[in-house]
Amino acid sequence: MPRLSFWFMRASLIYLLLGFAFGSLILAQKGISYYPSVWNLFPVHIEFLLVGWLVQLAIGVAFWILPRFGTGRGNEKLIWGAFVSLNFGILLTALQFSLPYALPVGRFLETAGILLFIVGSWRRVKPAGAK
């Protein structure tokens, strides 16, 4: 497994754990009212599970499984940039209640990370029979 896939998948599993932890706190609040402010974690819970877990896992598997034409796996510097940008975007989006511009900047970084992955992997996707 390539090192980048390892890091994407490892980060996605960390976000899965955090997302489930926040979700369990929210679910417990539904059953036993112990701290109503825990509902403020709901957007973070959704962000961690959808973008942090699903998107990063998909990118990690895609980087690992996309065909390699020639010797390389695409532009790995761009894909490392995608990893950094995506994770900073997720963390900034999670801080949307404490920082005034965290949500739009976080969404921009997430989008930039996905676009960097697409650009870095573009040459690996070719039609059948193409050289």
C-alpha atoms as a PDB file:
ATOM      1  CA  MET A   1       0.000   0.000   0.000  1.00  0.00           C
ATOM      2  CA  PRO A   2       1.385   3.433  -0.905  1.00  0.00           C
ATOM      3  CA  ARG A   3       2.300   5.745   1.933  1.00  0.00           C
ATOM      4  CA  LEU A   4      -0.310   8.337   0.877  1.00  0.00           C
ATOM      5  CA  SER A   5      -3.097   5.759   0.913  1.00  0.00           C
ATOM      6  CA  PHE A   6      -1.950   4.705   4.362  1.00  0.00           C
ATOM      7  CA  TRP A   7      -2.229   8.287   5.662  1.00  0.00           C
ATOM      8  CA  PHE A   8      -5.585   8.959   3.999  1.00  0.00           C
ATOM      9  CA  MET A   9      -7.031   5.745   5.430  1.00  0.00           C
ATOM     10  CA  ARG A  10      -5.507   6.243   8.871  1.00  0.00           C
ATOM     11  CA  ALA A  11      -6.927   9.779   9.065  1.00  0.00           C
ATOM     12  CA  SER A  12     -10.311   8.531   7.872  1.00  0.00           C
ATOM     13  CA  LEU A  13     -10.417   5.944  10.660  1.00  0.00           C
ATOM     14  CA  ILE A  14      -9.571   8.620  13.236  1.00  0.00           C
ATOM     15  CA  TYR A  15     -12.450  10.749  11.940  1.00  0.00           C
ATOM     16  CA  LEU A  16     -14.716   7.691  12.055  1.00  0.00           C
ATOM     17  CA  LEU A  17     -13.847   7.162  15.706  1.00  0.00           C
ATOM     18  CA  LEU A  18     -14.391  10.836  16.565  1.00  0.00           C
ATOM     19  CA  GLY A  19     -17.620  10.998  14.568  1.00  0.00           C
ATOM     20  CA  PHE A  20     -19.015   7.939  16.336  1.00  0.00           C
ATOM     21  CA  ALA A  21     -17.960   9.329  19.717  1.00  0.00           C
ATOM     22  CA  PHE A  22     -19.758  12.624  19.059  1.00  0.00           C
ATOM     23  CA  GLY A  23     -22.755  10.747  17.679  1.00  0.00           C
ATOM     24  CA  SER A  24     -22.969   8.583  20.774  1.00  0.00           C
ATOM     25  CA  LEU A  25     -22.942  11.683  22.986  1.00  0.00           C
ATOM     26  CA  ILE A  26     -25.759  13.177  20.919  1.00  0.00           C
ATOM     27  CA  LEU A  27     -27.732   9.919  21.036  1.00  0.00           C
ATOM     28  CA  ALA A  28     -27.300   9.681  24.799  1.00  0.00           C
ATOM     29  CA  GLN A  29     -28.578  13.251  25.106  1.00  0.00           C
ATOM     30  CA  LYS A  30     -31.701  12.212  23.193  1.00  0.00           C
ATOM     31  CA  GLY A  31     -32.385   9.396  25.637  1.00  0.00           C
ATOM     32  CA  ILE A  32     -31.235  10.934  28.902  1.00  0.00           C
ATOM     33  CA  SER A  33     -31.172  14.699  29.018  1.00  0.00           C
ATOM     34  CA  TYR A  34     -27.833  15.393  30.685  1.00  0.00           C
ATOM     35  CA  TYR A  35     -26.304  18.346  28.786  1.00  0.00           C
ATOM     36  CA  PRO A  36     -28.422  20.060  26.098  1.00  0.00           C
ATOM     37  CA  SER A  37     -25.437  21.903  24.595  1.00  0.00           C
ATOM     38  CA  VAL A  38     -24.115  18.603  23.264  1.00  0.00           C
ATOM     39  CA  TRP A  39     -26.386  19.176  20.245  1.00  0.00           C
ATOM     40  CA  ASN A  40     -23.825  21.773  19.119  1.00  0.00           C
ATOM     41  CA  LEU A  41     -21.649  18.804  18.166  1.00  0.00           C
ATOM     42  CA  PHE A  42     -24.134  17.681  15.505  1.00  0.00           C
ATOM     43  CA  PRO A  43     -22.547  19.618  12.585  1.00  0.00           C
ATOM     44  CA  VAL A  44     -19.099  18.396  13.659  1.00  0.00           C
ATOM     45  CA  HIS A  45     -20.435  14.833  13.857  1.00  0.00           C
ATOM     46  CA  ILE A  46     -21.792  15.094  10.296  1.00  0.00           C
ATOM     47  CA  GLU A  47     -18.581  16.736   9.010  1.00  0.00           C
ATOM     48  CA  PHE A  48     -16.322  14.109  10.541  1.00  0.00           C
ATOM     49  CA  LEU A  49     -18.363  11.206   9.206  1.00  0.00           C
ATOM     50  CA  LEU A  50     -19.144  12.507   5.716  1.00  0.00           C
ATOM     51  CA  VAL A  51     -16.005  14.359   4.735  1.00  0.00           C
ATOM     52  CA  GLY A  52     -13.505  13.101   7.287  1.00  0.00           C
ATOM     53  CA  TRP A  53     -14.343   9.428   7.008  1.00  0.00           C
ATOM     54  CA  LEU A  54     -16.110   8.781   3.689  1.00  0.00           C
ATOM     55  CA  VAL A  55     -14.301  11.219   1.416  1.00  0.00           C
ATOM     56  CA  GLN A  56     -10.847  10.497   2.809  1.00  0.00           C
ATOM     57  CA  LEU A  57     -11.405   6.743   2.693  1.00  0.00           C
ATOM     58  CA  ALA A  58     -12.567   7.015  -0.921  1.00  0.00           C
ATOM     59  CA  ILE A  59      -9.530   9.126  -1.855  1.00  0.00           C
ATOM     60  CA  GLY A  60      -7.149   6.751  -0.087  1.00  0.00           C
ATOM     61  CA  VAL A  61      -8.586   3.712  -1.843  1.00  0.00           C
ATOM     62  CA  ALA A  62      -8.682   5.549  -5.186  1.00  0.00           C
ATOM     63  CA  PHE A  63      -5.029   6.523  -4.888  1.00  0.00           C
ATOM     64  CA  TRP A  64      -4.142   2.940  -4.093  1.00  0.00           C
ATOM     65  CA  ILE A  65      -6.266   1.268  -6.762  1.00  0.00           C
ATOM     66  CA  LEU A  66      -6.138   3.612  -9.765  1.00  0.00           C
ATOM     67  CA  PRO A  67      -4.024   2.066 -12.527  1.00  0.00           C
ATOM     68  CA  ARG A  68      -0.417   3.160 -12.894  1.00  0.00           C
ATOM     69  CA  PHE A  69       0.692   3.919 -16.411  1.00  0.00           C
ATOM     70  CA  GLY A  70       4.454   4.115 -16.516  1.00  0.00           C
ATOM     71  CA  THR A  71       6.289   4.160 -13.219  1.00  0.00           C
ATOM     72  CA  GLY A  72       4.484   6.698 -11.068  1.00  0.00           C
ATOM     73  CA  ARG A  73       1.225   7.204  -9.224  1.00  0.00           C
ATOM     74  CA  GLY A  74       0.625  10.697 -10.557  1.00  0.00           C
ATOM     75  CA  ASN A  75       1.867  13.905  -9.026  1.00  0.00           C
ATOM     76  CA  GLU A  76       2.344  12.870  -5.392  1.00  0.00           C
ATOM     77  CA  LYS A  77       3.192  16.408  -4.272  1.00  0.00           C
ATOM     78  CA  LEU A  78      -0.248  17.564  -5.343  1.00  0.00           C
ATOM     79  CA  ILE A  79      -1.864  14.635  -3.582  1.00  0.00           C
ATOM     80  CA  TRP A  80       0.070  15.365  -0.367  1.00  0.00           C
ATOM     81  CA  GLY A  81      -1.247  18.906  -0.748  1.00  0.00           C
ATOM     82  CA  ALA A  82      -4.731  17.424  -1.091  1.00  0.00           C
ATOM     83  CA  PHE A  83      -4.246  15.493   2.152  1.00  0.00           C
ATOM     84  CA  VAL A  84      -3.098  18.574   4.071  1.00  0.00           C
ATOM     85  CA  SER A  85      -5.737  20.854   2.562  1.00  0.00           C
ATOM     86  CA  LEU A  86      -8.575  18.400   3.148  1.00  0.00           C
ATOM     87  CA  ASN A  87      -7.650  17.797   6.778  1.00  0.00           C
ATOM     88  CA  PHE A  88      -7.145  21.486   7.571  1.00  0.00           C
ATOM     89  CA  GLY A  89     -10.502  22.150   5.915  1.00  0.00           C
ATOM     90  CA  ILE A  90     -12.232  19.517   8.037  1.00  0.00           C
ATOM     91  CA  LEU A  91     -10.727  20.865  11.238  1.00  0.00           C
ATOM     92  CA  LEU A  92     -11.566  24.467  10.359  1.00  0.00           C
ATOM     93  CA  THR A  93     -15.130  23.499   9.512  1.00  0.00           C
ATOM     94  CA  ALA A  94     -15.376  21.777  12.890  1.00  0.00           C
ATOM     95  CA  LEU A  95     -14.410  25.084  14.540  1.00  0.00           C
ATOM     96  CA  GLN A  96     -17.232  26.978  12.819  1.00  0.00           C
ATOM     97  CA  PHE A  97     -18.813  28.114  16.093  1.00  0.00           C
ATOM     98  CA  SER A  98     -15.665  29.562  17.628  1.00  0.00           C
ATOM     99  CA  LEU A  99     -14.050  31.239  14.597  1.00  0.00           C
ATOM    100  CA  PRO A 100     -16.106  33.660  12.492  1.00  0.00           C
ATOM    101  CA  TYR A 101     -14.859  32.683   9.016  1.00  0.00           C
ATOM    102  CA  ALA A 102     -13.993  29.065   9.717  1.00  0.00           C
ATOM    103  CA  LEU A 103     -16.866  27.543   7.735  1.00  0.00           C
ATOM    104  CA  PRO A 104     -16.266  29.208   4.342  1.00  0.00           C
ATOM    105  CA  VAL A 105     -12.479  28.887   4.620  1.00  0.00           C
ATOM    106  CA  GLY A 106     -12.823  25.259   5.703  1.00  0.00           C
ATOM    107  CA  ARG A 107     -15.161  24.460   2.799  1.00  0.00           C
ATOM    108  CA  PHE A 108     -12.763  26.183   0.408  1.00  0.00           C
ATOM    109  CA  LEU A 109      -9.842  24.089   1.702  1.00  0.00           C
ATOM    110  CA  GLU A 110     -11.888  20.882   1.423  1.00  0.00           C
ATOM    111  CA  THR A 111     -12.831  21.719  -2.167  1.00  0.00           C
ATOM    112  CA  ALA A 112      -9.232  22.635  -2.958  1.00  0.00           C
ATOM    113  CA  GLY A 113      -8.076  19.312  -1.505  1.00  0.00           C
ATOM    114  CA  ILE A 114     -10.471  17.344  -3.667  1.00  0.00           C
ATOM    115  CA  LEU A 115      -9.473  19.335  -6.754  1.00  0.00           C
ATOM    116  CA  LEU A 116      -5.784  18.795  -5.981  1.00  0.00           C
ATOM    117  CA  PHE A 117      -6.412  15.057  -5.803  1.00  0.00           C
ATOM    118  CA  ILE A 118      -8.240  15.109  -9.137  1.00  0.00           C
ATOM    119  CA  VAL A 119      -5.487  17.112 -10.840  1.00  0.00           C
ATOM    120  CA  GLY A 120      -2.753  14.948  -9.288  1.00  0.00           C
ATOM    121  CA  SER A 121      -4.421  11.710 -10.406  1.00  0.00           C
ATOM    122  CA  TRP A 122      -5.779  12.842 -13.766  1.00  0.00           C
ATOM    123  CA  ARG A 123      -3.058  11.220 -15.885  1.00  0.00           C
ATOM    124  CA  ARG A 124      -3.712   7.838 -14.286  1.00  0.00           C
ATOM    125  CA  VAL A 125      -7.209   7.611 -15.704  1.00  0.00           C
ATOM    126  CA  LYS A 126      -7.116   6.554 -19.376  1.00  0.00           C
ATOM    127  CA  PRO A 127      -9.550   4.769 -21.620  1.00  0.00           C
ATOM    128  CA  ALA A 128      -9.011   1.092 -22.343  1.00  0.00           C
ATOM    129  CA  GLY A 129      -6.405   0.530 -25.037  1.00  0.00           C
ATOM    130  CA  ALA A 130      -4.889   4.048 -24.738  1.00  0.00           C
ATOM    131  CA  LYS A 131      -1.145   4.363 -24.378  1.00  0.00           C
END
